[in-house]
PDB file of all heavy atoms in Angstrom:
ATOM      1  N   HIS A   1      -7.930  -0.725  -2.141  1.00  0.00           N
ATOM      2  CA  HIS A   1      -9.011   0.219  -1.820  1.00  0.00           C
ATOM      3  C   HIS A   1      -9.357   0.064  -0.384  1.00  0.00           C
ATOM      4  O   HIS A   1     -10.513   0.321   0.007  1.00  0.00           O
ATOM      5  CB  HIS A   1     -10.259   0.034  -2.750  1.00  0.00           C
ATOM      6  CG  HIS A   1      -9.901   0.181  -4.183  1.00  0.00           C
ATOM      7  ND1 HIS A   1      -9.409   1.394  -4.740  1.00  0.00           N
ATOM      8  CD2 HIS A   1      -9.837  -0.696  -5.197  1.00  0.00           C
ATOM      9  CE1 HIS A   1      -9.237   1.199  -6.025  1.00  0.00           C
ATOM     10  NE2 HIS A   1      -9.427  -0.026  -6.316  1.00  0.00           N
ATOM     11  N   THR A   2      -8.503  -0.504   0.447  1.00  0.00           N
ATOM     12  CA  THR A   2      -8.714  -0.566   1.937  1.00  0.00           C
ATOM     13  C   THR A   2      -7.581   0.230   2.578  1.00  0.00           C
ATOM     14  O   THR A   2      -6.692   0.734   1.861  1.00  0.00           O
ATOM     15  CB  THR A   2      -8.660  -2.020   2.476  1.00  0.00           C
ATOM     16  OG1 THR A   2      -7.333  -2.529   2.380  1.00  0.00           O
ATOM     17  CG2 THR A   2      -9.580  -2.945   1.664  1.00  0.00           C
ATOM     18  N   PHE A   3      -7.555   0.313   3.878  1.00  0.00           N
ATOM     19  CA  PHE A   3      -6.489   1.045   4.538  1.00  0.00           C
ATOM     20  C   PHE A   3      -5.163   0.405   4.388  1.00  0.00           C
ATOM     21  O   PHE A   3      -4.072   1.059   4.641  1.00  0.00           O
ATOM     22  CB  PHE A   3      -6.785   1.205   6.042  1.00  0.00           C
ATOM     23  CG  PHE A   3      -6.334   0.017   6.921  1.00  0.00           C
ATOM     24  CD1 PHE A   3      -5.217   0.120   7.648  1.00  0.00           C
ATOM     25  CD2 PHE A   3      -7.166  -1.093   6.995  1.00  0.00           C
ATOM     26  CE1 PHE A   3      -4.803  -0.948   8.413  1.00  0.00           C
ATOM     27  CE2 PHE A   3      -6.743  -2.161   7.824  1.00  0.00           C
ATOM     28  CZ  PHE A   3      -5.555  -2.096   8.529  1.00  0.00           C
ATOM     29  N   VAL A   4      -5.086  -0.856   3.848  1.00  0.00           N
ATOM     30  CA  VAL A   4      -3.836  -1.507   3.571  1.00  0.00           C
ATOM     31  C   VAL A   4      -3.197  -0.904   2.291  1.00  0.00           C
ATOM     32  O   VAL A   4      -1.948  -0.944   2.155  1.00  0.00           O
ATOM     33  CB  VAL A   4      -4.043  -2.977   3.390  1.00  0.00           C
ATOM     34  CG1 VAL A   4      -2.796  -3.732   3.000  1.00  0.00           C
ATOM     35  CG2 VAL A   4      -4.598  -3.656   4.669  1.00  0.00           C
ATOM     36  N   ASP A   5      -3.961  -0.366   1.404  1.00  0.00           N
ATOM     37  CA  ASP A   5      -3.558   0.235   0.148  1.00  0.00           C
ATOM     38  C   ASP A   5      -2.605   1.336   0.488  1.00  0.00           C
ATOM     39  O   ASP A   5      -2.912   2.189   1.334  1.00  0.00           O
ATOM     40  CB  ASP A   5      -4.767   0.678  -0.607  1.00  0.00           C
ATOM     41  CG  ASP A   5      -4.544   1.040  -2.043  1.00  0.00           C
ATOM     42  OD1 ASP A   5      -3.577   1.827  -2.311  1.00  0.00           O
ATOM     43  OD2 ASP A   5      -5.317   0.665  -2.973  1.00  0.00           O
ATOM     44  N   PRO A   6      -1.518   1.471  -0.205  1.00  0.00           N
ATOM     45  CA  PRO A   6      -0.533   2.624   0.064  1.00  0.00           C
ATOM     46  C   PRO A   6      -1.152   3.948  -0.264  1.00  0.00           C
ATOM     47  O   PRO A   6      -0.719   4.963   0.292  1.00  0.00           O
ATOM     48  CB  PRO A   6       0.645   2.365  -0.794  1.00  0.00           C
ATOM     49  CG  PRO A   6       0.159   1.396  -1.809  1.00  0.00           C
ATOM     50  CD  PRO A   6      -0.941   0.579  -1.208  1.00  0.00           C
ATOM     51  N   ARG A   7      -2.247   4.051  -1.006  1.00  0.00           N
ATOM     52  CA  ARG A   7      -2.906   5.285  -1.212  1.00  0.00           C
ATOM     53  C   ARG A   7      -3.742   5.760  -0.078  1.00  0.00           C
ATOM     54  O   ARG A   7      -4.216   6.878  -0.030  1.00  0.00           O
ATOM     55  CB  ARG A   7      -3.836   5.154  -2.504  1.00  0.00           C
ATOM     56  CG  ARG A   7      -2.975   4.968  -3.787  1.00  0.00           C
ATOM     57  CD  ARG A   7      -3.869   4.585  -4.898  1.00  0.00           C
ATOM     58  NE  ARG A   7      -4.417   3.254  -4.786  1.00  0.00           N
ATOM     59  CZ  ARG A   7      -5.078   2.594  -5.801  1.00  0.00           C
ATOM     60  NH1 ARG A   7      -5.215   3.195  -6.958  1.00  0.00           N
ATOM     61  NH2 ARG A   7      -5.497   1.386  -5.543  1.00  0.00           N
ATOM     62  N   GLN A   8      -3.954   4.811   0.878  1.00  0.00           N
ATOM     63  CA  GLN A   8      -4.618   5.163   2.141  1.00  0.00           C
ATOM     64  C   GLN A   8      -3.544   5.214   3.214  1.00  0.00           C
ATOM     65  O   GLN A   8      -2.835   6.122   3.357  1.00  0.00           O
ATOM     66  CB  GLN A   8      -5.845   4.195   2.435  1.00  0.00           C
ATOM     67  CG  GLN A   8      -6.865   4.380   1.402  1.00  0.00           C
ATOM     68  CD  GLN A   8      -8.146   3.613   1.693  1.00  0.00           C
ATOM     69  OE1 GLN A   8      -8.452   3.375   2.934  1.00  0.00           O
ATOM     70  NE2 GLN A   8      -8.944   3.259   0.720  1.00  0.00           N
ATOM     71  N   LEU A   9      -3.498   4.120   4.038  1.00  0.00           N
ATOM     72  CA  LEU A   9      -2.521   4.142   5.161  1.00  0.00           C
ATOM     73  C   LEU A   9      -1.377   3.148   5.012  1.00  0.00           C
ATOM     74  O   LEU A   9      -0.468   3.183   5.839  1.00  0.00           O
ATOM     75  CB  LEU A   9      -3.270   3.769   6.531  1.00  0.00           C
ATOM     76  CG  LEU A   9      -4.310   4.821   7.009  1.00  0.00           C
ATOM     77  CD1 LEU A   9      -5.102   4.312   8.185  1.00  0.00           C
ATOM     78  CD2 LEU A   9      -3.608   6.167   7.350  1.00  0.00           C
ATOM     79  N   GLY A  10      -1.444   2.311   4.067  1.00  0.00           N
ATOM     80  CA  GLY A  10      -0.357   1.311   3.841  1.00  0.00           C
ATOM     81  C   GLY A  10      -0.264   0.415   5.008  1.00  0.00           C
ATOM     82  O   GLY A  10       0.902  -0.060   5.330  1.00  0.00           O
ATOM     83  N   ALA A  11      -1.343   0.141   5.687  1.00  0.00           N
ATOM     84  CA  ALA A  11      -1.417  -0.850   6.843  1.00  0.00           C
ATOM     85  C   ALA A  11      -0.847  -0.263   8.134  1.00  0.00           C
ATOM     86  O   ALA A  11      -0.676  -1.014   9.028  1.00  0.00           O
ATOM     87  CB  ALA A  11      -0.782  -2.098   6.500  1.00  0.00           C
ATOM     88  N   ARG A  12      -0.503   0.983   8.121  1.00  0.00           N
ATOM     89  CA  ARG A  12       0.131   1.582   9.382  1.00  0.00           C
ATOM     90  C   ARG A  12      -0.911   1.783  10.462  1.00  0.00           C
ATOM     91  O   ARG A  12      -1.996   2.238  10.201  1.00  0.00           O
ATOM     92  CB  ARG A  12       0.740   2.909   9.027  1.00  0.00           C
ATOM     93  CG  ARG A  12       1.941   2.823   8.052  1.00  0.00           C
ATOM     94  CD  ARG A  12       2.416   4.191   7.654  1.00  0.00           C
ATOM     95  NE  ARG A  12       3.573   4.185   6.812  1.00  0.00           N
ATOM     96  CZ  ARG A  12       3.488   4.112   5.491  1.00  0.00           C
ATOM     97  NH1 ARG A  12       2.270   3.980   4.861  1.00  0.00           N
ATOM     98  NH2 ARG A  12       4.581   4.089   4.751  1.00  0.00           N
ATOM     99  N   GLN A  13      -0.481   1.624  11.686  1.00  0.00           N
ATOM    100  CA  GLN A  13      -1.303   1.868  12.836  1.00  0.00           C
ATOM    101  C   GLN A  13      -0.685   2.923  13.813  1.00  0.00           C
ATOM    102  O   GLN A  13      -1.295   3.370  14.751  1.00  0.00           O
ATOM    103  CB  GLN A  13      -1.590   0.600  13.651  1.00  0.00           C
ATOM    104  CG  GLN A  13      -2.432  -0.408  12.929  1.00  0.00           C
ATOM    105  CD  GLN A  13      -3.885   0.012  12.740  1.00  0.00           C
ATOM    106  OE1 GLN A  13      -4.270   1.111  13.130  1.00  0.00           O
ATOM    107  NE2 GLN A  13      -4.651  -0.809  12.086  1.00  0.00           N
ATOM    108  N   SER A  14       0.581   3.291  13.501  1.00  0.00           N
ATOM    109  CA  SER A  14       1.235   4.276  14.413  1.00  0.00           C
ATOM    110  C   SER A  14       1.996   5.293  13.518  1.00  0.00           C
ATOM    111  O   SER A  14       2.520   4.915  12.506  1.00  0.00           O
ATOM    112  CB  SER A  14       2.190   3.599  15.388  1.00  0.00           C
ATOM    113  OG  SER A  14       3.147   2.916  14.720  1.00  0.00           O
ATOM    114  N   PRO A  15       2.114   6.505  13.946  1.00  0.00           N
ATOM    115  CA  PRO A  15       2.818   7.590  13.165  1.00  0.00           C
ATOM    116  C   PRO A  15       4.205   7.275  12.920  1.00  0.00           C
ATOM    117  O   PRO A  15       4.860   7.614  11.838  1.00  0.00           O
ATOM    118  CB  PRO A  15       2.668   8.838  14.004  1.00  0.00           C
ATOM    119  CG  PRO A  15       1.491   8.608  14.845  1.00  0.00           C
ATOM    120  CD  PRO A  15       1.443   7.108  15.130  1.00  0.00           C
ATOM    121  N   SER A  16       4.887   6.548  13.835  1.00  0.00           N
ATOM    122  CA  SER A  16       6.337   6.243  13.623  1.00  0.00           C
ATOM    123  C   SER A  16       6.597   5.121  12.634  1.00  0.00           C
ATOM    124  O   SER A  16       7.739   4.922  12.232  1.00  0.00           O
ATOM    125  CB  SER A  16       6.975   5.836  14.972  1.00  0.00           C
ATOM    126  OG  SER A  16       6.300   4.697  15.468  1.00  0.00           O
ATOM    127  N   ALA A  17       5.512   4.495  12.153  1.00  0.00           N
ATOM    128  CA  ALA A  17       5.686   3.471  11.085  1.00  0.00           C
ATOM    129  C   ALA A  17       5.787   4.149   9.770  1.00  0.00           C
ATOM    130  O   ALA A  17       4.831   4.279   9.070  1.00  0.00           O
ATOM    131  CB  ALA A  17       4.522   2.494  11.139  1.00  0.00           C
ATOM    132  N   ARG A  18       7.011   4.480   9.329  1.00  0.00           N
ATOM    133  CA  ARG A  18       7.175   5.303   8.203  1.00  0.00           C
ATOM    134  C   ARG A  18       7.575   4.487   6.954  1.00  0.00           C
ATOM    135  O   ARG A  18       7.423   4.906   5.814  1.00  0.00           O
ATOM    136  CB  ARG A  18       8.244   6.428   8.445  1.00  0.00           C
ATOM    137  CG  ARG A  18       7.778   7.362   9.544  1.00  0.00           C
ATOM    138  CD  ARG A  18       8.786   8.491   9.692  1.00  0.00           C
ATOM    139  NE  ARG A  18       8.398   9.428  10.776  1.00  0.00           N
ATOM    140  CZ  ARG A  18       8.757   9.269  12.041  1.00  0.00           C
ATOM    141  NH1 ARG A  18       9.547   8.238  12.396  1.00  0.00           N
ATOM    142  NH2 ARG A  18       8.316  10.159  12.995  1.00  0.00           N
ATOM    143  N   GLU A  19       8.213   3.368   7.143  1.00  0.00           N
ATOM    144  CA  GLU A  19       8.654   2.622   6.016  1.00  0.00           C
ATOM    145  C   GLU A  19       7.464   2.005   5.236  1.00  0.00           C
ATOM    146  O   GLU A  19       6.442   1.624   5.827  1.00  0.00           O
ATOM    147  CB  GLU A  19       9.543   1.431   6.482  1.00  0.00           C
ATOM    148  CG  GLU A  19      10.094   0.524   5.360  1.00  0.00           C
ATOM    149  CD  GLU A  19      10.990  -0.602   5.794  1.00  0.00           C
ATOM    150  OE1 GLU A  19      11.258  -0.645   7.069  1.00  0.00           O
ATOM    151  OE2 GLU A  19      11.447  -1.387   4.977  1.00  0.00           O
ATOM    152  N   ASP A  20       7.584   1.991   3.862  1.00  0.00           N
ATOM    153  CA  ASP A  20       6.535   1.463   3.023  1.00  0.00           C
ATOM    154  C   ASP A  20       6.777  -0.042   2.910  1.00  0.00           C
ATOM    155  O   ASP A  20       7.678  -0.492   2.335  1.00  0.00           O
ATOM    156  CB  ASP A  20       6.578   2.115   1.655  1.00  0.00           C
ATOM    157  CG  ASP A  20       6.236   3.594   1.733  1.00  0.00           C
ATOM    158  OD1 ASP A  20       5.492   4.020   2.502  1.00  0.00           O
ATOM    159  OD2 ASP A  20       6.851   4.370   0.926  1.00  0.00           O
ATOM    160  N   LEU A  21       5.748  -0.816   3.412  1.00  0.00           N
ATOM    161  CA  LEU A  21       5.878  -2.227   3.329  1.00  0.00           C
ATOM    162  C   LEU A  21       5.048  -2.783   2.147  1.00  0.00           C
ATOM    163  O   LEU A  21       5.164  -3.972   1.785  1.00  0.00           O
ATOM    164  CB  LEU A  21       5.348  -2.901   4.628  1.00  0.00           C
ATOM    165  CG  LEU A  21       6.067  -2.598   5.935  1.00  0.00           C
ATOM    166  CD1 LEU A  21       5.591  -3.442   7.056  1.00  0.00           C
ATOM    167  CD2 LEU A  21       7.567  -2.660   5.733  1.00  0.00           C
ATOM    168  N   VAL A  22       4.311  -1.920   1.499  1.00  0.00           N
ATOM    169  CA  VAL A  22       3.474  -2.348   0.348  1.00  0.00           C
ATOM    170  C   VAL A  22       3.441  -1.242  -0.692  1.00  0.00           C
ATOM    171  O   VAL A  22       3.531  -0.059  -0.368  1.00  0.00           O
ATOM    172  CB  VAL A  22       2.011  -2.630   0.829  1.00  0.00           C
ATOM    173  CG1 VAL A  22       1.423  -1.468   1.544  1.00  0.00           C
ATOM    174  CG2 VAL A  22       1.120  -3.043  -0.313  1.00  0.00           C
ATOM    175  N   GLU A  23       3.513  -1.659  -1.943  1.00  0.00           N
ATOM    176  CA  GLU A  23       3.453  -0.670  -3.015  1.00  0.00           C
ATOM    177  C   GLU A  23       2.414  -1.038  -4.140  1.00  0.00           C
ATOM    178  O   GLU A  23       2.024  -2.243  -4.183  1.00  0.00           O
ATOM    179  CB  GLU A  23       4.815  -0.522  -3.702  1.00  0.00           C
ATOM    180  CG  GLU A  23       5.338  -1.816  -4.406  1.00  0.00           C
ATOM    181  CD  GLU A  23       6.677  -1.566  -5.093  1.00  0.00           C
ATOM    182  OE1 GLU A  23       7.280  -0.476  -4.932  1.00  0.00           O
ATOM    183  OE2 GLU A  23       7.158  -2.522  -5.737  1.00  0.00           O
ATOM    184  N   LEU A  24       1.931  -0.096  -4.820  1.00  0.00           N
ATOM    185  CA  LEU A  24       0.955  -0.247  -5.884  1.00  0.00           C
ATOM    186  C   LEU A  24       1.666  -0.548  -7.219  1.00  0.00           C
ATOM    187  O   LEU A  24       2.601   0.106  -7.548  1.00  0.00           O
ATOM    188  CB  LEU A  24       0.108   1.010  -6.023  1.00  0.00           C
ATOM    189  CG  LEU A  24      -1.053   0.972  -7.056  1.00  0.00           C
ATOM    190  CD1 LEU A  24      -2.093  -0.006  -6.567  1.00  0.00           C
ATOM    191  CD2 LEU A  24      -1.649   2.313  -7.223  1.00  0.00           C
ATOM    192  N   LEU A  25       1.138  -1.620  -7.927  1.00  0.00           N
ATOM    193  CA  LEU A  25       1.694  -1.970  -9.197  1.00  0.00           C
ATOM    194  C   LEU A  25       0.598  -1.935 -10.241  1.00  0.00           C
ATOM    195  O   LEU A  25      -0.558  -2.022  -9.928  1.00  0.00           O
ATOM    196  CB  LEU A  25       2.308  -3.413  -9.195  1.00  0.00           C
ATOM    197  CG  LEU A  25       3.457  -3.654  -8.238  1.00  0.00           C
ATOM    198  CD1 LEU A  25       3.823  -5.147  -8.374  1.00  0.00           C
ATOM    199  CD2 LEU A  25       4.643  -2.797  -8.513  1.00  0.00           C
ATOM    200  N   GLU A  26       0.978  -1.783 -11.513  1.00  0.00           N
ATOM    201  CA  GLU A  26       0.014  -1.993 -12.613  1.00  0.00           C
ATOM    202  C   GLU A  26       0.611  -3.053 -13.485  1.00  0.00           C
ATOM    203  O   GLU A  26       1.685  -2.978 -14.027  1.00  0.00           O
ATOM    204  CB  GLU A  26      -0.202  -0.722 -13.370  1.00  0.00           C
ATOM    205  CG  GLU A  26      -1.263  -0.889 -14.460  1.00  0.00           C
ATOM    206  CD  GLU A  26      -1.618   0.413 -15.114  1.00  0.00           C
ATOM    207  OE1 GLU A  26      -1.989   1.405 -14.465  1.00  0.00           O
ATOM    208  OE2 GLU A  26      -1.435   0.456 -16.366  1.00  0.00           O
ATOM    209  N   VAL A  27      -0.211  -4.108 -13.715  1.00  0.00           N
ATOM    210  CA  VAL A  27       0.230  -5.224 -14.579  1.00  0.00           C
ATOM    211  C   VAL A  27      -0.894  -5.443 -15.647  1.00  0.00           C
ATOM    212  O   VAL A  27      -2.076  -5.689 -15.204  1.00  0.00           O
ATOM    213  CB  VAL A  27       0.475  -6.536 -13.723  1.00  0.00           C
ATOM    214  CG1 VAL A  27       0.874  -7.643 -14.700  1.00  0.00           C
ATOM    215  CG2 VAL A  27       1.507  -6.281 -12.723  1.00  0.00           C
ATOM    216  N   ASP A  28      -0.549  -5.374 -16.855  1.00  0.00           N
ATOM    217  CA  ASP A  28      -1.530  -5.532 -17.940  1.00  0.00           C
ATOM    218  C   ASP A  28      -2.789  -4.613 -17.735  1.00  0.00           C
ATOM    219  O   ASP A  28      -3.861  -5.110 -17.967  1.00  0.00           O
ATOM    220  CB  ASP A  28      -1.955  -6.977 -18.127  1.00  0.00           C
ATOM    221  CG  ASP A  28      -0.774  -7.851 -18.506  1.00  0.00           C
ATOM    222  OD1 ASP A  28       0.198  -7.390 -19.144  1.00  0.00           O
ATOM    223  OD2 ASP A  28      -0.722  -9.064 -18.207  1.00  0.00           O
ATOM    224  N   GLY A  29      -2.548  -3.441 -17.249  1.00  0.00           N
ATOM    225  CA  GLY A  29      -3.643  -2.496 -17.088  1.00  0.00           C
ATOM    226  C   GLY A  29      -4.471  -2.686 -15.811  1.00  0.00           C
ATOM    227  O   GLY A  29      -5.446  -1.925 -15.613  1.00  0.00           O
ATOM    228  N   GLU A  30      -4.128  -3.660 -14.987  1.00  0.00           N
ATOM    229  CA  GLU A  30      -4.817  -3.927 -13.702  1.00  0.00           C
ATOM    230  C   GLU A  30      -3.960  -3.506 -12.491  1.00  0.00           C
ATOM    231  O   GLU A  30      -2.731  -3.653 -12.501  1.00  0.00           O
ATOM    232  CB  GLU A  30      -5.182  -5.354 -13.593  1.00  0.00           C
ATOM    233  CG  GLU A  30      -6.207  -5.801 -14.636  1.00  0.00           C
ATOM    234  CD  GLU A  30      -6.718  -7.217 -14.346  1.00  0.00           C
ATOM    235  OE1 GLU A  30      -6.530  -7.708 -13.259  1.00  0.00           O
ATOM    236  OE2 GLU A  30      -7.247  -7.859 -15.276  1.00  0.00           O
ATOM    237  N   GLU A  31      -4.647  -3.022 -11.439  1.00  0.00           N
ATOM    238  CA  GLU A  31      -3.897  -2.615 -10.241  1.00  0.00           C
ATOM    239  C   GLU A  31      -3.637  -3.873  -9.389  1.00  0.00           C
ATOM    240  O   GLU A  31      -4.547  -4.780  -9.245  1.00  0.00           O
ATOM    241  CB  GLU A  31      -4.751  -1.646  -9.427  1.00  0.00           C
ATOM    242  CG  GLU A  31      -4.824  -0.356 -10.026  1.00  0.00           C
ATOM    243  CD  GLU A  31      -5.662   0.671  -9.261  1.00  0.00           C
ATOM    244  OE1 GLU A  31      -6.464   0.215  -8.340  1.00  0.00           O
ATOM    245  OE2 GLU A  31      -5.475   1.884  -9.448  1.00  0.00           O
ATOM    246  N   TRP A  32      -2.447  -3.987  -8.801  1.00  0.00           N
ATOM    247  CA  TRP A  32      -2.045  -5.020  -7.856  1.00  0.00           C
ATOM    248  C   TRP A  32      -1.287  -4.365  -6.723  1.00  0.00           C
ATOM    249  O   TRP A  32      -0.804  -3.309  -6.862  1.00  0.00           O
ATOM    250  CB  TRP A  32      -1.134  -6.044  -8.557  1.00  0.00           C
ATOM    251  CG  TRP A  32      -1.806  -6.793  -9.647  1.00  0.00           C
ATOM    252  CD1 TRP A  32      -2.023  -6.334 -10.959  1.00  0.00           C
ATOM    253  CD2 TRP A  32      -2.407  -8.114  -9.611  1.00  0.00           C
ATOM    254  NE1 TRP A  32      -2.731  -7.361 -11.700  1.00  0.00           N
ATOM    255  CE2 TRP A  32      -2.854  -8.436 -10.860  1.00  0.00           C
ATOM    256  CE3 TRP A  32      -2.448  -9.055  -8.556  1.00  0.00           C
ATOM    257  CZ2 TRP A  32      -3.447  -9.652 -11.118  1.00  0.00           C
ATOM    258  CZ3 TRP A  32      -3.058 -10.284  -8.859  1.00  0.00           C
ATOM    259  CH2 TRP A  32      -3.571 -10.563 -10.089  1.00  0.00           C
ATOM    260  N   LEU A  33      -1.172  -5.086  -5.612  1.00  0.00           N
ATOM    261  CA  LEU A  33      -0.308  -4.657  -4.534  1.00  0.00           C
ATOM    262  C   LEU A  33       0.875  -5.637  -4.405  1.00  0.00           C
ATOM    263  O   LEU A  33       0.665  -6.833  -4.551  1.00  0.00           O
ATOM    264  CB  LEU A  33      -1.087  -4.635  -3.190  1.00  0.00           C
ATOM    265  CG  LEU A  33      -2.263  -3.655  -3.082  1.00  0.00           C
ATOM    266  CD1 LEU A  33      -2.951  -3.705  -1.799  1.00  0.00           C
ATOM    267  CD2 LEU A  33      -1.762  -2.243  -3.375  1.00  0.00           C
ATOM    268  N   ARG A  34       2.072  -5.036  -4.137  1.00  0.00           N
ATOM    269  CA  ARG A  34       3.239  -5.851  -3.767  1.00  0.00           C
ATOM    270  C   ARG A  34       3.576  -5.720  -2.381  1.00  0.00           C
ATOM    271  O   ARG A  34       3.949  -4.614  -1.993  1.00  0.00           O
ATOM    272  CB  ARG A  34       4.397  -5.584  -4.747  1.00  0.00           C
ATOM    273  CG  ARG A  34       5.634  -6.479  -4.422  1.00  0.00           C
ATOM    274  CD  ARG A  34       6.803  -6.228  -5.327  1.00  0.00           C
ATOM    275  NE  ARG A  34       7.537  -5.054  -4.991  1.00  0.00           N
ATOM    276  CZ  ARG A  34       8.666  -5.052  -4.268  1.00  0.00           C
ATOM    277  NH1 ARG A  34       9.146  -6.189  -3.694  1.00  0.00           N
ATOM    278  NH2 ARG A  34       9.248  -3.976  -4.000  1.00  0.00           N
ATOM    279  N   PHE A  35       3.513  -6.717  -1.576  1.00  0.00           N
ATOM    280  CA  PHE A  35       3.993  -6.741  -0.219  1.00  0.00           C
ATOM    281  C   PHE A  35       5.411  -7.129  -0.197  1.00  0.00           C
ATOM    282  O   PHE A  35       5.773  -8.234  -0.684  1.00  0.00           O
ATOM    283  CB  PHE A  35       3.086  -7.605   0.655  1.00  0.00           C
ATOM    284  CG  PHE A  35       1.689  -7.106   0.781  1.00  0.00           C
ATOM    285  CD1 PHE A  35       0.752  -7.416  -0.137  1.00  0.00           C
ATOM    286  CD2 PHE A  35       1.341  -6.247   1.788  1.00  0.00           C
ATOM    287  CE1 PHE A  35      -0.477  -6.970  -0.038  1.00  0.00           C
ATOM    288  CE2 PHE A  35       0.096  -5.743   1.935  1.00  0.00           C
ATOM    289  CZ  PHE A  35      -0.946  -6.105   1.020  1.00  0.00           C
TER     290      PHE A  35
END
């Protein structure tokens, strides 16, 4: 739920940064991030 979250900016600071370095996971019904 911060700009690091892939649902927001995925930690990007420039438009050319297109690769996804982080993804959203669900484990046992809870949200987690995988870097």
